[in-house]
Amino acid sequence: MLKIDENTIVTGSEDGYLRAVSIYPNSVVSILGKHSEDENVFPIFKLARSHCGYFLASTSNDSSI
């Protein structure tokens, strides 16, 4: 998980999806992306945000960012 602001976090999970989640009210805001190749799904291992706050990076076991 990665904090975006006081009410929003980004989560990465085993299904390979990056989701923006609102804390209050508790709901999924949107799906931001997915690590996959055809039918292969790669879990999200780590999330990072750039210093300026405009970019989000995620890593998986397929060596992609």
C-alpha atoms as a PDB file:
ATOM      1  CA  MET A   1       0.000   0.000   0.000  1.00  0.00           C
ATOM      2  CA  LEU A   2       1.045   3.559  -0.670  1.00  0.00           C
ATOM      3  CA  LYS A   3      -0.475   6.729   0.768  1.00  0.00           C
ATOM      4  CA  ILE A   4      -1.476   9.323  -1.835  1.00  0.00           C
ATOM      5  CA  ASP A   5      -3.252  11.802   0.460  1.00  0.00           C
ATOM      6  CA  GLU A   6      -5.202  11.738   3.734  1.00  0.00           C
ATOM      7  CA  ASN A   7      -8.179   9.943   2.134  1.00  0.00           C
ATOM      8  CA  THR A   8      -6.637   7.871  -0.679  1.00  0.00           C
ATOM      9  CA  ILE A   9      -4.226   4.940  -0.893  1.00  0.00           C
ATOM     10  CA  VAL A  10      -3.004   2.800  -3.771  1.00  0.00           C
ATOM     11  CA  THR A  11      -2.904  -0.947  -3.252  1.00  0.00           C
ATOM     12  CA  GLY A  12      -1.151  -3.683  -5.191  1.00  0.00           C
ATOM     13  CA  SER A  13      -2.090  -7.319  -4.784  1.00  0.00           C
ATOM     14  CA  GLU A  14      -1.525 -10.889  -5.924  1.00  0.00           C
ATOM     15  CA  ASP A  15      -4.051 -10.543  -8.734  1.00  0.00           C
ATOM     16  CA  GLY A  16      -1.732  -7.984 -10.390  1.00  0.00           C
ATOM     17  CA  TYR A  17      -4.104  -5.006 -10.120  1.00  0.00           C
ATOM     18  CA  LEU A  18      -3.200  -1.534  -8.861  1.00  0.00           C
ATOM     19  CA  ARG A  19      -6.253   0.020  -7.219  1.00  0.00           C
ATOM     20  CA  ALA A  20      -6.928   3.503  -5.883  1.00  0.00           C
ATOM     21  CA  VAL A  21      -8.935   3.124  -2.659  1.00  0.00           C
ATOM     22  CA  SER A  22     -10.782   5.827  -0.755  1.00  0.00           C
ATOM     23  CA  ILE A  23     -10.553   5.566   3.040  1.00  0.00           C
ATOM     24  CA  TYR A  24     -13.641   7.633   3.800  1.00  0.00           C
ATOM     25  CA  PRO A  25     -16.009   6.528   2.409  1.00  0.00           C
ATOM     26  CA  ASN A  26     -14.458   3.081   2.096  1.00  0.00           C
ATOM     27  CA  SER A  27     -14.592   2.205  -1.617  1.00  0.00           C
ATOM     28  CA  VAL A  28     -12.455   1.353  -4.633  1.00  0.00           C
ATOM     29  CA  VAL A  29     -12.115   4.544  -6.663  1.00  0.00           C
ATOM     30  CA  SER A  30     -10.585   3.001  -9.785  1.00  0.00           C
ATOM     31  CA  ILE A  31      -8.241   0.379 -11.179  1.00  0.00           C
ATOM     32  CA  LEU A  32      -5.034   2.136 -12.204  1.00  0.00           C
ATOM     33  CA  GLY A  33      -3.261  -0.708 -13.979  1.00  0.00           C
ATOM     34  CA  LYS A  34      -2.383  -4.384 -14.101  1.00  0.00           C
ATOM     35  CA  HIS A  35       0.785  -6.458 -14.386  1.00  0.00           C
ATOM     36  CA  SER A  36      -0.006  -9.198 -16.900  1.00  0.00           C
ATOM     37  CA  GLU A  37       1.044 -10.827 -20.131  1.00  0.00           C
ATOM     38  CA  ASP A  38      -1.743 -12.614 -21.970  1.00  0.00           C
ATOM     39  CA  GLU A  39      -3.113 -15.085 -19.404  1.00  0.00           C
ATOM     40  CA  ASN A  40      -0.143 -14.744 -17.013  1.00  0.00           C
ATOM     41  CA  VAL A  41      -0.797 -12.585 -13.948  1.00  0.00           C
ATOM     42  CA  PHE A  42       2.116 -11.159 -11.966  1.00  0.00           C
ATOM     43  CA  PRO A  43       1.638 -10.033  -8.339  1.00  0.00           C
ATOM     44  CA  ILE A  44       2.615  -6.527  -7.257  1.00  0.00           C
ATOM     45  CA  PHE A  45       5.671  -6.597  -4.981  1.00  0.00           C
ATOM     46  CA  LYS A  46       6.419  -2.938  -4.309  1.00  0.00           C
ATOM     47  CA  LEU A  47       4.955   0.524  -4.952  1.00  0.00           C
ATOM     48  CA  ALA A  48       6.829   3.826  -5.040  1.00  0.00           C
ATOM     49  CA  ARG A  49       5.920   7.440  -5.725  1.00  0.00           C
ATOM     50  CA  SER A  50       8.197  10.029  -7.329  1.00  0.00           C
ATOM     51  CA  HIS A  51       9.445  13.007  -5.318  1.00  0.00           C
ATOM     52  CA  CYS A  52       7.226  15.389  -7.284  1.00  0.00           C
ATOM     53  CA  GLY A  53       4.201  13.138  -6.680  1.00  0.00           C
ATOM     54  CA  TYR A  54       3.173  12.877 -10.340  1.00  0.00           C
ATOM     55  CA  PHE A  55       4.442   9.338 -11.014  1.00  0.00           C
ATOM     56  CA  LEU A  56       3.692   5.960  -9.465  1.00  0.00           C
ATOM     57  CA  ALA A  57       5.858   2.896 -10.086  1.00  0.00           C
ATOM     58  CA  SER A  58       5.120  -0.734  -9.294  1.00  0.00           C
ATOM     59  CA  THR A  59       7.332  -3.795  -9.584  1.00  0.00           C
ATOM     60  CA  SER A  60       6.517  -7.434 -10.156  1.00  0.00           C
ATOM     61  CA  ASN A  61       8.394 -10.690 -10.714  1.00  0.00           C
ATOM     62  CA  ASP A  62       8.319 -10.245 -14.503  1.00  0.00           C
ATOM     63  CA  SER A  63      11.082  -7.568 -14.237  1.00  0.00           C
ATOM     64  CA  SER A  64       8.767  -4.825 -15.483  1.00  0.00           C
ATOM     65  CA  ILE A  65       8.057  -1.438 -13.915  1.00  0.00           C
END
